[in-house]
Amino acid sequence: MQKTEHRVTLTVTFIVTMFTLTNGPSALVHLVMYATHEELYDLTMISSTLVICGKASNFILFCLGSKHFRLRLLKLVTSSEELCRFFFFLVLHTRSSYLFKTAKCETSSFSRLGSS
């Protein structure tokens, strides 16, 4: 049990550190842009690339740090039924998120989610 807790603590520490390193520069660029009212295109592109790399690194860190995550991912990828269920969830989640964000959100829109 103690070994598992240590591994989880280490994984979370790596993820938080990676988040800070990859998202911190973006926050600083946005603060500078807000304070100076200047468009810093090059710095914005670099910091956005860092953010994207940080998101991808989460997947790698989870794969390295969690045997349960690796086994679940392998089961998801090798089982066509589970993979279909996963993509169906993603489609519904994405579509419902879009509907919530739009101004013309009607309840009739939600009843059609599962039918298309």
PDB file of N, CA and C in Angstrom:
ATOM      1  N   MET A   1       0.829  -1.200   0.000  1.00  0.00           N
ATOM      2  CA  MET A   1       0.000   0.000   0.000  1.00  0.00           C
ATOM      3  C   MET A   1       0.869   1.258   0.000  1.00  0.00           C
ATOM      4  N   GLN A   2       1.927   1.269   0.787  1.00  0.00           N
ATOM      5  CA  GLN A   2       2.792   2.439   0.876  1.00  0.00           C
ATOM      6  C   GLN A   2       3.511   2.681  -0.448  1.00  0.00           C
ATOM      7  N   LYS A   3       3.893   1.602  -1.128  1.00  0.00           N
ATOM      8  CA  LYS A   3       4.570   1.726  -2.423  1.00  0.00           C
ATOM      9  C   LYS A   3       3.624   2.345  -3.456  1.00  0.00           C
ATOM     10  N   THR A   4       2.363   1.948  -3.434  1.00  0.00           N
ATOM     11  CA  THR A   4       1.367   2.503  -4.353  1.00  0.00           C
ATOM     12  C   THR A   4       1.141   3.979  -4.071  1.00  0.00           C
ATOM     13  N   GLU A   5       1.022   4.335  -2.815  1.00  0.00           N
ATOM     14  CA  GLU A   5       0.830   5.740  -2.449  1.00  0.00           C
ATOM     15  C   GLU A   5       2.023   6.585  -2.883  1.00  0.00           C
ATOM     16  N   HIS A   6       3.218   6.040  -2.732  1.00  0.00           N
ATOM     17  CA  HIS A   6       4.426   6.754  -3.146  1.00  0.00           C
ATOM     18  C   HIS A   6       4.420   6.975  -4.668  1.00  0.00           C
ATOM     19  N   ARG A   7       4.037   5.949  -5.413  1.00  0.00           N
ATOM     20  CA  ARG A   7       3.992   6.052  -6.885  1.00  0.00           C
ATOM     21  C   ARG A   7       2.948   7.083  -7.314  1.00  0.00           C
ATOM     22  N   VAL A   8       1.780   7.090  -6.679  1.00  0.00           N
ATOM     23  CA  VAL A   8       0.730   8.057  -7.008  1.00  0.00           C
ATOM     24  C   VAL A   8       1.201   9.467  -6.682  1.00  0.00           C
ATOM     25  N   THR A   9       1.843   9.632  -5.528  1.00  0.00           N
ATOM     26  CA  THR A   9       2.367  10.947  -5.146  1.00  0.00           C
ATOM     27  C   THR A   9       3.401  11.433  -6.144  1.00  0.00           C
ATOM     28  N   LEU A  10       4.265  10.551  -6.580  1.00  0.00           N
ATOM     29  CA  LEU A  10       5.286  10.903  -7.554  1.00  0.00           C
ATOM     30  C   LEU A  10       4.665  11.295  -8.894  1.00  0.00           C
ATOM     31  N   THR A  11       3.673  10.537  -9.338  1.00  0.00           N
ATOM     32  CA  THR A  11       2.996  10.840 -10.607  1.00  0.00           C
ATOM     33  C   THR A  11       2.304  12.195 -10.539  1.00  0.00           C
ATOM     34  N   VAL A  12       1.588  12.443  -9.452  1.00  0.00           N
ATOM     35  CA  VAL A  12       0.890  13.727  -9.296  1.00  0.00           C
ATOM     36  C   VAL A  12       1.897  14.875  -9.238  1.00  0.00           C
ATOM     37  N   THR A  13       3.009  14.667  -8.552  1.00  0.00           N
ATOM     38  CA  THR A  13       4.056  15.698  -8.478  1.00  0.00           C
ATOM     39  C   THR A  13       4.596  16.011  -9.859  1.00  0.00           C
ATOM     40  N   PHE A  14       4.860  14.978 -10.666  1.00  0.00           N
ATOM     41  CA  PHE A  14       5.341  15.202 -12.031  1.00  0.00           C
ATOM     42  C   PHE A  14       4.313  15.943 -12.874  1.00  0.00           C
ATOM     43  N   ILE A  15       3.048  15.575 -12.732  1.00  0.00           N
ATOM     44  CA  ILE A  15       1.997  16.218 -13.527  1.00  0.00           C
ATOM     45  C   ILE A  15       1.843  17.686 -13.144  1.00  0.00           C
ATOM     46  N   VAL A  16       1.857  17.984 -11.858  1.00  0.00           N
ATOM     47  CA  VAL A  16       1.744  19.376 -11.404  1.00  0.00           C
ATOM     48  C   VAL A  16       2.962  20.187 -11.843  1.00  0.00           C
ATOM     49  N   THR A  17       4.138  19.601 -11.746  1.00  0.00           N
ATOM     50  CA  THR A  17       5.354  20.285 -12.189  1.00  0.00           C
ATOM     51  C   THR A  17       5.308  20.552 -13.686  1.00  0.00           C
ATOM     52  N   MET A  18       4.909  19.550 -14.456  1.00  0.00           N
ATOM     53  CA  MET A  18       4.819  19.726 -15.907  1.00  0.00           C
ATOM     54  C   MET A  18       3.772  20.780 -16.255  1.00  0.00           C
ATOM     55  N   PHE A  19       2.656  20.787 -15.551  1.00  0.00           N
ATOM     56  CA  PHE A  19       1.626  21.800 -15.780  1.00  0.00           C
ATOM     57  C   PHE A  19       2.190  23.195 -15.529  1.00  0.00           C
ATOM     58  N   THR A  20       2.895  23.358 -14.429  1.00  0.00           N
ATOM     59  CA  THR A  20       3.461  24.663 -14.084  1.00  0.00           C
ATOM     60  C   THR A  20       4.480  25.112 -15.119  1.00  0.00           C
ATOM     61  N   LEU A  21       5.344  24.213 -15.539  1.00  0.00           N
ATOM     62  CA  LEU A  21       6.378  24.565 -16.517  1.00  0.00           C
ATOM     63  C   LEU A  21       5.817  24.878 -17.898  1.00  0.00           C
ATOM     64  N   THR A  22       4.749  24.188 -18.278  1.00  0.00           N
ATOM     65  CA  THR A  22       4.221  24.383 -19.632  1.00  0.00           C
ATOM     66  C   THR A  22       3.128  25.441 -19.713  1.00  0.00           C
ATOM     67  N   ASN A  23       2.433  25.712 -18.619  1.00  0.00           N
ATOM     68  CA  ASN A  23       1.372  26.727 -18.647  1.00  0.00           C
ATOM     69  C   ASN A  23       1.803  28.070 -18.069  1.00  0.00           C
ATOM     70  N   GLY A  24       2.841  28.062 -17.249  1.00  0.00           N
ATOM     71  CA  GLY A  24       3.331  29.294 -16.649  1.00  0.00           C
ATOM     72  C   GLY A  24       3.745  30.352 -17.666  1.00  0.00           C
ATOM     73  N   PRO A  25       4.554  29.989 -18.657  1.00  0.00           N
ATOM     74  CA  PRO A  25       4.945  30.988 -19.662  1.00  0.00           C
ATOM     75  C   PRO A  25       3.756  31.594 -20.401  1.00  0.00           C
ATOM     76  N   SER A  26       2.748  30.798 -20.674  1.00  0.00           N
ATOM     77  CA  SER A  26       1.558  31.318 -21.358  1.00  0.00           C
ATOM     78  C   SER A  26       0.855  32.364 -20.496  1.00  0.00           C
ATOM     79  N   ALA A  27       0.757  32.091 -19.213  1.00  0.00           N
ATOM     80  CA  ALA A  27       0.128  33.055 -18.306  1.00  0.00           C
ATOM     81  C   ALA A  27       0.925  34.351 -18.263  1.00  0.00           C
ATOM     82  N   LEU A  28       2.246  34.234 -18.214  1.00  0.00           N
ATOM     83  CA  LEU A  28       3.090  35.432 -18.197  1.00  0.00           C
ATOM     84  C   LEU A  28       2.949  36.250 -19.483  1.00  0.00           C
ATOM     85  N   VAL A  29       2.914  35.564 -20.621  1.00  0.00           N
ATOM     86  CA  VAL A  29       2.748  36.263 -21.905  1.00  0.00           C
ATOM     87  C   VAL A  29       1.421  37.009 -21.927  1.00  0.00           C
ATOM     88  N   HIS A  30       0.377  36.365 -21.458  1.00  0.00           N
ATOM     89  CA  HIS A  30      -0.934  37.024 -21.448  1.00  0.00           C
ATOM     90  C   HIS A  30      -0.965  38.217 -20.483  1.00  0.00           C
ATOM     91  N   LEU A  31      -0.300  38.088 -19.347  1.00  0.00           N
ATOM     92  CA  LEU A  31      -0.221  39.214 -18.418  1.00  0.00           C
ATOM     93  C   LEU A  31       0.543  40.392 -19.024  1.00  0.00           C
ATOM     94  N   VAL A  32       1.654  40.107 -19.699  1.00  0.00           N
ATOM     95  CA  VAL A  32       2.433  41.162 -20.343  1.00  0.00           C
ATOM     96  C   VAL A  32       1.619  41.817 -21.454  1.00  0.00           C
ATOM     97  N   MET A  33       0.920  41.005 -22.238  1.00  0.00           N
ATOM     98  CA  MET A  33       0.086  41.552 -23.310  1.00  0.00           C
ATOM     99  C   MET A  33      -1.021  42.438 -22.734  1.00  0.00           C
ATOM    100  N   TYR A  34      -1.604  42.021 -21.631  1.00  0.00           N
ATOM    101  CA  TYR A  34      -2.663  42.802 -20.998  1.00  0.00           C
ATOM    102  C   TYR A  34      -2.114  44.121 -20.457  1.00  0.00           C
ATOM    103  N   ALA A  35      -0.926  44.061 -19.852  1.00  0.00           N
ATOM    104  CA  ALA A  35      -0.344  45.255 -19.239  1.00  0.00           C
ATOM    105  C   ALA A  35       0.166  46.260 -20.280  1.00  0.00           C
ATOM    106  N   THR A  36       0.733  45.750 -21.365  1.00  0.00           N
ATOM    107  CA  THR A  36       1.340  46.647 -22.354  1.00  0.00           C
ATOM    108  C   THR A  36       0.438  46.943 -23.540  1.00  0.00           C
ATOM    109  N   HIS A  37      -0.650  46.191 -23.677  1.00  0.00           N
ATOM    110  CA  HIS A  37      -1.570  46.324 -24.816  1.00  0.00           C
ATOM    111  C   HIS A  37      -0.857  46.123 -26.158  1.00  0.00           C
ATOM    112  N   GLU A  38       0.130  45.239 -26.156  1.00  0.00           N
ATOM    113  CA  GLU A  38       0.855  44.894 -27.379  1.00  0.00           C
ATOM    114  C   GLU A  38       0.542  43.456 -27.758  1.00  0.00           C
ATOM    115  N   GLU A  39       0.601  43.194 -29.050  1.00  0.00           N
ATOM    116  CA  GLU A  39       0.398  41.832 -29.559  1.00  0.00           C
ATOM    117  C   GLU A  39       1.769  41.166 -29.662  1.00  0.00           C
ATOM    118  N   LEU A  40       1.994  40.134 -28.892  1.00  0.00           N
ATOM    119  CA  LEU A  40       3.273  39.419 -28.890  1.00  0.00           C
ATOM    120  C   LEU A  40       3.086  38.076 -29.596  1.00  0.00           C
ATOM    121  N   TYR A  41       3.018  38.130 -30.909  1.00  0.00           N
ATOM    122  CA  TYR A  41       2.662  36.950 -31.702  1.00  0.00           C
ATOM    123  C   TYR A  41       3.645  35.800 -31.495  1.00  0.00           C
ATOM    124  N   ASP A  42       4.946  36.059 -31.613  1.00  0.00           N
ATOM    125  CA  ASP A  42       5.945  34.991 -31.501  1.00  0.00           C
ATOM    126  C   ASP A  42       5.916  34.333 -30.121  1.00  0.00           C
ATOM    127  N   LEU A  43       5.861  35.147 -29.085  1.00  0.00           N
ATOM    128  CA  LEU A  43       5.812  34.592 -27.730  1.00  0.00           C
ATOM    129  C   LEU A  43       4.512  33.828 -27.474  1.00  0.00           C
ATOM    130  N   THR A  44       3.431  34.309 -28.064  1.00  0.00           N
ATOM    131  CA  THR A  44       2.155  33.612 -27.918  1.00  0.00           C
ATOM    132  C   THR A  44       2.208  32.241 -28.583  1.00  0.00           C
ATOM    133  N   MET A  45       2.816  32.169 -29.763  1.00  0.00           N
ATOM    134  CA  MET A  45       2.937  30.883 -30.463  1.00  0.00           C
ATOM    135  C   MET A  45       3.817  29.910 -29.678  1.00  0.00           C
ATOM    136  N   ILE A  46       4.919  30.406 -29.157  1.00  0.00           N
ATOM    137  CA  ILE A  46       5.824  29.544 -28.373  1.00  0.00           C
ATOM    138  C   ILE A  46       5.134  29.052 -27.106  1.00  0.00           C
ATOM    139  N   SER A  47       4.462  29.940 -26.408  1.00  0.00           N
ATOM    140  CA  SER A  47       3.805  29.535 -25.160  1.00  0.00           C
ATOM    141  C   SER A  47       2.618  28.607 -25.438  1.00  0.00           C
ATOM    142  N   SER A  48       1.917  28.817 -26.550  1.00  0.00           N
ATOM    143  CA  SER A  48       0.814  27.908 -26.912  1.00  0.00           C
ATOM    144  C   SER A  48       1.343  26.521 -27.251  1.00  0.00           C
ATOM    145  N   THR A  49       2.486  26.469 -27.916  1.00  0.00           N
ATOM    146  CA  THR A  49       3.113  25.179 -28.220  1.00  0.00           C
ATOM    147  C   THR A  49       3.511  24.463 -26.935  1.00  0.00           C
ATOM    148  N   LEU A  50       4.017  25.213 -25.975  1.00  0.00           N
ATOM    149  CA  LEU A  50       4.360  24.621 -24.674  1.00  0.00           C
ATOM    150  C   LEU A  50       3.122  24.043 -23.985  1.00  0.00           C
ATOM    151  N   VAL A  51       2.015  24.754 -24.055  1.00  0.00           N
ATOM    152  CA  VAL A  51       0.775  24.269 -23.442  1.00  0.00           C
ATOM    153  C   VAL A  51       0.337  22.963 -24.090  1.00  0.00           C
ATOM    154  N   ILE A  52       0.401  22.903 -25.416  1.00  0.00           N
ATOM    155  CA  ILE A  52       0.012  21.684 -26.129  1.00  0.00           C
ATOM    156  C   ILE A  52       0.934  20.523 -25.750  1.00  0.00           C
ATOM    157  N   CYS A  53       2.223  20.789 -25.675  1.00  0.00           N
ATOM    158  CA  CYS A  53       3.169  19.745 -25.259  1.00  0.00           C
ATOM    159  C   CYS A  53       2.876  19.280 -23.834  1.00  0.00           C
ATOM    160  N   GLY A  54       2.480  20.205 -22.994  1.00  0.00           N
ATOM    161  CA  GLY A  54       2.129  19.851 -21.625  1.00  0.00           C
ATOM    162  C   GLY A  54       0.926  18.931 -21.565  1.00  0.00           C
ATOM    163  N   LYS A  55      -0.060  19.188 -22.411  1.00  0.00           N
ATOM    164  CA  LYS A  55      -1.246  18.315 -22.449  1.00  0.00           C
ATOM    165  C   LYS A  55      -0.859  16.915 -22.906  1.00  0.00           C
ATOM    166  N   ALA A  56      -0.007  16.832 -23.929  1.00  0.00           N
ATOM    167  CA  ALA A  56       0.431  15.525 -24.417  1.00  0.00           C
ATOM    168  C   ALA A  56       1.287  14.802 -23.383  1.00  0.00           C
ATOM    169  N   SER A  57       2.061  15.556 -22.623  1.00  0.00           N
ATOM    170  CA  SER A  57       2.918  14.924 -21.612  1.00  0.00           C
ATOM    171  C   SER A  57       2.098  14.281 -20.489  1.00  0.00           C
ATOM    172  N   ASN A  58       0.893  14.788 -20.232  1.00  0.00           N
ATOM    173  CA  ASN A  58       0.030  14.162 -19.217  1.00  0.00           C
ATOM    174  C   ASN A  58      -0.247  12.709 -19.570  1.00  0.00           C
ATOM    175  N   PHE A  59      -0.540  12.463 -20.837  1.00  0.00           N
ATOM    176  CA  PHE A  59      -0.801  11.097 -21.288  1.00  0.00           C
ATOM    177  C   PHE A  59       0.426  10.216 -21.053  1.00  0.00           C
ATOM    178  N   ILE A  60       1.589  10.728 -21.415  1.00  0.00           N
ATOM    179  CA  ILE A  60       2.827   9.968 -21.236  1.00  0.00           C
ATOM    180  C   ILE A  60       3.088   9.712 -19.758  1.00  0.00           C
ATOM    181  N   LEU A  61       2.898  10.732 -18.928  1.00  0.00           N
ATOM    182  CA  LEU A  61       3.129  10.560 -17.489  1.00  0.00           C
ATOM    183  C   LEU A  61       2.153   9.560 -16.877  1.00  0.00           C
ATOM    184  N   PHE A  62       0.896   9.582 -17.311  1.00  0.00           N
ATOM    185  CA  PHE A  62      -0.067   8.603 -16.803  1.00  0.00           C
ATOM    186  C   PHE A  62       0.321   7.192 -17.237  1.00  0.00           C
ATOM    187  N   CYS A  63       0.774   7.046 -18.488  1.00  0.00           N
ATOM    188  CA  CYS A  63       1.203   5.724 -18.959  1.00  0.00           C
ATOM    189  C   CYS A  63       2.403   5.214 -18.173  1.00  0.00           C
ATOM    190  N   LEU A  64       3.344   6.103 -17.886  1.00  0.00           N
ATOM    191  CA  LEU A  64       4.530   5.697 -17.136  1.00  0.00           C
ATOM    192  C   LEU A  64       4.225   5.421 -15.667  1.00  0.00           C
ATOM    193  N   GLY A  65       3.286   6.157 -15.108  1.00  0.00           N
ATOM    194  CA  GLY A  65       3.076   6.094 -13.666  1.00  0.00           C
ATOM    195  C   GLY A  65       1.979   5.182 -13.173  1.00  0.00           C
ATOM    196  N   SER A  66       1.114   4.706 -14.065  1.00  0.00           N
ATOM    197  CA  SER A  66      -0.028   3.937 -13.589  1.00  0.00           C
ATOM    198  C   SER A  66      -0.229   2.656 -14.394  1.00  0.00           C
ATOM    199  N   LYS A  67      -0.015   1.551 -13.738  1.00  0.00           N
ATOM    200  CA  LYS A  67      -0.248   0.258 -14.380  1.00  0.00           C
ATOM    201  C   LYS A  67      -1.738   0.089 -14.690  1.00  0.00           C
ATOM    202  N   HIS A  68      -2.590   0.546 -13.784  1.00  0.00           N
ATOM    203  CA  HIS A  68      -4.039   0.461 -14.003  1.00  0.00           C
ATOM    204  C   HIS A  68      -4.435   1.248 -15.261  1.00  0.00           C
ATOM    205  N   PHE A  69      -3.870   2.441 -15.443  1.00  0.00           N
ATOM    206  CA  PHE A  69      -4.165   3.250 -16.624  1.00  0.00           C
ATOM    207  C   PHE A  69      -3.726   2.521 -17.890  1.00  0.00           C
ATOM    208  N   ARG A  70      -2.522   1.927 -17.877  1.00  0.00           N
ATOM    209  CA  ARG A  70      -2.032   1.202 -19.052  1.00  0.00           C
ATOM    210  C   ARG A  70      -2.925   0.016 -19.388  1.00  0.00           C
ATOM    211  N   LEU A  71      -3.327  -0.740 -18.364  1.00  0.00           N
ATOM    212  CA  LEU A  71      -4.187  -1.903 -18.605  1.00  0.00           C
ATOM    213  C   LEU A  71      -5.560  -1.486 -19.119  1.00  0.00           C
ATOM    214  N   ARG A  72      -6.111  -0.425 -18.559  1.00  0.00           N
ATOM    215  CA  ARG A  72      -7.428   0.076 -18.998  1.00  0.00           C
ATOM    216  C   ARG A  72      -7.353   0.588 -20.437  1.00  0.00           C
ATOM    217  N   LEU A  73      -6.275   1.288 -20.764  1.00  0.00           N
ATOM    218  CA  LEU A  73      -6.086   1.782 -22.120  1.00  0.00           C
ATOM    219  C   LEU A  73      -5.948   0.624 -23.099  1.00  0.00           C
ATOM    220  N   LEU A  74      -5.179  -0.382 -22.743  1.00  0.00           N
ATOM    221  CA  LEU A  74      -5.011  -1.553 -23.598  1.00  0.00           C
ATOM    222  C   LEU A  74      -6.346  -2.264 -23.813  1.00  0.00           C
ATOM    223  N   LYS A  75      -7.119  -2.406 -22.742  1.00  0.00           N
ATOM    224  CA  LYS A  75      -8.436  -3.041 -22.862  1.00  0.00           C
ATOM    225  C   LYS A  75      -9.346  -2.212 -23.758  1.00  0.00           C
ATOM    226  N   LEU A  76      -9.298  -0.897 -23.611  1.00  0.00           N
ATOM    227  CA  LEU A  76     -10.127  -0.011 -24.420  1.00  0.00           C
ATOM    228  C   LEU A  76      -9.766  -0.119 -25.895  1.00  0.00           C
ATOM    229  N   VAL A  77      -8.484  -0.145 -26.196  1.00  0.00           N
ATOM    230  CA  VAL A  77      -8.031  -0.177 -27.588  1.00  0.00           C
ATOM    231  C   VAL A  77      -8.279  -1.544 -28.227  1.00  0.00           C
ATOM    232  N   THR A  78      -8.140  -2.614 -27.471  1.00  0.00           N
ATOM    233  CA  THR A  78      -8.290  -3.948 -28.047  1.00  0.00           C
ATOM    234  C   THR A  78      -9.734  -4.429 -28.107  1.00  0.00           C
ATOM    235  N   SER A  79     -10.618  -3.829 -27.340  1.00  0.00           N
ATOM    236  CA  SER A  79     -12.016  -4.231 -27.344  1.00  0.00           C
ATOM    237  C   SER A  79     -12.815  -3.276 -28.217  1.00  0.00           C
ATOM    238  N   SER A  80     -13.300  -3.772 -29.344  1.00  0.00           N
ATOM    239  CA  SER A  80     -14.031  -2.897 -30.270  1.00  0.00           C
ATOM    240  C   SER A  80     -15.316  -2.374 -29.641  1.00  0.00           C
ATOM    241  N   GLU A  81     -15.975  -3.171 -28.799  1.00  0.00           N
ATOM    242  CA  GLU A  81     -17.206  -2.720 -28.151  1.00  0.00           C
ATOM    243  C   GLU A  81     -16.913  -1.555 -27.199  1.00  0.00           C
ATOM    244  N   GLU A  82     -15.857  -1.689 -26.411  1.00  0.00           N
ATOM    245  CA  GLU A  82     -15.486  -0.605 -25.488  1.00  0.00           C
ATOM    246  C   GLU A  82     -15.045   0.635 -26.252  1.00  0.00           C
ATOM    247  N   LEU A  83     -14.334   0.452 -27.359  1.00  0.00           N
ATOM    248  CA  LEU A  83     -13.870   1.584 -28.154  1.00  0.00           C
ATOM    249  C   LEU A  83     -15.057   2.328 -28.755  1.00  0.00           C
ATOM    250  N   CYS A  84     -16.040   1.597 -29.262  1.00  0.00           N
ATOM    251  CA  CYS A  84     -17.253   2.234 -29.798  1.00  0.00           C
ATOM    252  C   CYS A  84     -17.980   3.002 -28.703  1.00  0.00           C
ATOM    253  N   ARG A  85     -18.092   2.411 -27.525  1.00  0.00           N
ATOM    254  CA  ARG A  85     -18.750   3.082 -26.415  1.00  0.00           C
ATOM    255  C   ARG A  85     -18.011   4.362 -26.026  1.00  0.00           C
ATOM    256  N   PHE A  86     -16.681   4.307 -26.046  1.00  0.00           N
ATOM    257  CA  PHE A  86     -15.866   5.465 -25.711  1.00  0.00           C
ATOM    258  C   PHE A  86     -16.071   6.590 -26.732  1.00  0.00           C
ATOM    259  N   PHE A  87     -16.025   6.272 -28.021  1.00  0.00           N
ATOM    260  CA  PHE A  87     -16.217   7.300 -29.046  1.00  0.00           C
ATOM    261  C   PHE A  87     -17.643   7.841 -29.028  1.00  0.00           C
ATOM    262  N   PHE A  88     -18.610   6.991 -28.746  1.00  0.00           N
ATOM    263  CA  PHE A  88     -19.996   7.447 -28.631  1.00  0.00           C
ATOM    264  C   PHE A  88     -20.111   8.462 -27.497  1.00  0.00           C
ATOM    265  N   PHE A  89     -19.468   8.170 -26.359  1.00  0.00           N
ATOM    266  CA  PHE A  89     -19.461   9.111 -25.235  1.00  0.00           C
ATOM    267  C   PHE A  89     -18.818  10.430 -25.643  1.00  0.00           C
ATOM    268  N   LEU A  90     -17.678  10.361 -26.351  1.00  0.00           N
ATOM    269  CA  LEU A  90     -17.001  11.584 -26.777  1.00  0.00           C
ATOM    270  C   LEU A  90     -17.883  12.431 -27.687  1.00  0.00           C
ATOM    271  N   VAL A  91     -18.555  11.784 -28.624  1.00  0.00           N
ATOM    272  CA  VAL A  91     -19.416  12.520 -29.550  1.00  0.00           C
ATOM    273  C   VAL A  91     -20.559  13.180 -28.795  1.00  0.00           C
ATOM    274  N   LEU A  92     -21.202  12.444 -27.917  1.00  0.00           N
ATOM    275  CA  LEU A  92     -22.306  13.030 -27.145  1.00  0.00           C
ATOM    276  C   LEU A  92     -21.816  14.154 -26.253  1.00  0.00           C
ATOM    277  N   HIS A  93     -20.691  13.956 -25.608  1.00  0.00           N
ATOM    278  CA  HIS A  93     -20.162  14.982 -24.711  1.00  0.00           C
ATOM    279  C   HIS A  93     -19.801  16.247 -25.488  1.00  0.00           C
ATOM    280  N   THR A  94     -19.159  16.088 -26.629  1.00  0.00           N
ATOM    281  CA  THR A  94     -18.764  17.242 -27.439  1.00  0.00           C
ATOM    282  C   THR A  94     -19.985  17.979 -27.955  1.00  0.00           C
ATOM    283  N   ARG A  95     -20.950  17.244 -28.448  1.00  0.00           N
ATOM    284  CA  ARG A  95     -22.151  17.884 -28.991  1.00  0.00           C
ATOM    285  C   ARG A  95     -22.949  18.582 -27.900  1.00  0.00           C
ATOM    286  N   SER A  96     -23.083  17.955 -26.729  1.00  0.00           N
ATOM    287  CA  SER A  96     -23.858  18.589 -25.670  1.00  0.00           C
ATOM    288  C   SER A  96     -23.120  19.812 -25.127  1.00  0.00           C
ATOM    289  N   SER A  97     -21.788  19.762 -25.062  1.00  0.00           N
ATOM    290  CA  SER A  97     -21.028  20.927 -24.629  1.00  0.00           C
ATOM    291  C   SER A  97     -21.229  22.079 -25.599  1.00  0.00           C
ATOM    292  N   TYR A  98     -21.252  21.762 -26.893  1.00  0.00           N
ATOM    293  CA  TYR A  98     -21.463  22.801 -27.908  1.00  0.00           C
ATOM    294  C   TYR A  98     -22.857  23.416 -27.749  1.00  0.00           C
ATOM    295  N   LEU A  99     -23.845  22.562 -27.505  1.00  0.00           N
ATOM    296  CA  LEU A  99     -25.212  23.071 -27.371  1.00  0.00           C
ATOM    297  C   LEU A  99     -25.346  23.965 -26.144  1.00  0.00           C
ATOM    298  N   PHE A 100     -24.676  23.598 -25.052  1.00  0.00           N
ATOM    299  CA  PHE A 100     -24.748  24.431 -23.857  1.00  0.00           C
ATOM    300  C   PHE A 100     -24.099  25.789 -24.075  1.00  0.00           C
ATOM    301  N   LYS A 101     -23.095  25.852 -24.935  1.00  0.00           N
ATOM    302  CA  LYS A 101     -22.368  27.094 -25.145  1.00  0.00           C
ATOM    303  C   LYS A 101     -23.064  28.020 -26.139  1.00  0.00           C
ATOM    304  N   THR A 102     -23.955  27.487 -26.948  1.00  0.00           N
ATOM    305  CA  THR A 102     -24.620  28.327 -27.927  1.00  0.00           C
ATOM    306  C   THR A 102     -25.761  29.092 -27.279  1.00  0.00           C
ATOM    307  N   ALA A 103     -26.101  30.203 -27.852  1.00  0.00           N
ATOM    308  CA  ALA A 103     -27.152  31.060 -27.291  1.00  0.00           C
ATOM    309  C   ALA A 103     -28.538  30.467 -27.520  1.00  0.00           C
ATOM    310  N   LYS A 104     -28.727  29.741 -28.611  1.00  0.00           N
ATOM    311  CA  LYS A 104     -30.042  29.194 -28.944  1.00  0.00           C
ATOM    312  C   LYS A 104     -30.142  27.741 -28.496  1.00  0.00           C
ATOM    313  N   CYS A 105     -29.956  27.520 -27.230  1.00  0.00           N
ATOM    314  CA  CYS A 105     -29.998  26.176 -26.666  1.00  0.00           C
ATOM    315  C   CYS A 105     -31.449  25.841 -26.309  1.00  0.00           C
ATOM    316  N   GLU A 106     -32.027  24.875 -27.023  1.00  0.00           N
ATOM    317  CA  GLU A 106     -33.409  24.478 -26.761  1.00  0.00           C
ATOM    318  C   GLU A 106     -33.431  23.049 -26.259  1.00  0.00           C
ATOM    319  N   THR A 107     -34.429  22.715 -25.469  1.00  0.00           N
ATOM    320  CA  THR A 107     -34.523  21.361 -24.943  1.00  0.00           C
ATOM    321  C   THR A 107     -34.767  20.353 -26.052  1.00  0.00           C
ATOM    322  N   SER A 108     -35.398  20.738 -27.151  1.00  0.00           N
ATOM    323  CA  SER A 108     -35.633  19.812 -28.247  1.00  0.00           C
ATOM    324  C   SER A 108     -34.317  19.369 -28.874  1.00  0.00           C
ATOM    325  N   SER A 109     -33.290  20.196 -28.788  1.00  0.00           N
ATOM    326  CA  SER A 109     -31.981  19.840 -29.341  1.00  0.00           C
ATOM    327  C   SER A 109     -31.390  18.640 -28.607  1.00  0.00           C
ATOM    328  N   PHE A 110     -31.639  18.550 -27.292  1.00  0.00           N
ATOM    329  CA  PHE A 110     -31.062  17.478 -26.519  1.00  0.00           C
ATOM    330  C   PHE A 110     -31.749  16.133 -26.812  1.00  0.00           C
ATOM    331  N   SER A 111     -33.002  16.158 -27.159  1.00  0.00           N
ATOM    332  CA  SER A 111     -33.681  14.899 -27.456  1.00  0.00           C
ATOM    333  C   SER A 111     -33.188  14.305 -28.763  1.00  0.00           C
ATOM    334  N   ARG A 112     -32.638  15.138 -29.655  1.00  0.00           N
ATOM    335  CA  ARG A 112     -32.127  14.629 -30.929  1.00  0.00           C
ATOM    336  C   ARG A 112     -30.686  14.141 -30.835  1.00  0.00           C
ATOM    337  N   LEU A 113     -30.011  14.346 -29.695  1.00  0.00           N
ATOM    338  CA  LEU A 113     -28.609  13.966 -29.592  1.00  0.00           C
ATOM    339  C   LEU A 113     -28.372  12.482 -29.894  1.00  0.00           C
ATOM    340  N   GLY A 114     -29.184  11.643 -29.323  1.00  0.00           N
ATOM    341  CA  GLY A 114     -28.985  10.219 -29.510  1.00  0.00           C
ATOM    342  C   GLY A 114     -29.517   9.692 -30.833  1.00  0.00           C
ATOM    343  N   SER A 115     -30.324  10.475 -31.546  1.00  0.00           N
ATOM    344  CA  SER A 115     -30.954   9.952 -32.745  1.00  0.00           C
ATOM    345  C   SER A 115     -30.115  10.114 -34.000  1.00  0.00           C
ATOM    346  N   SER A 116     -29.123  11.022 -34.007  1.00  0.00           N
ATOM    347  CA  SER A 116     -28.347  11.212 -35.239  1.00  0.00           C
ATOM    348  C   SER A 116     -27.076  10.423 -35.261  1.00  0.00           C
TER     349      SER A 116
END
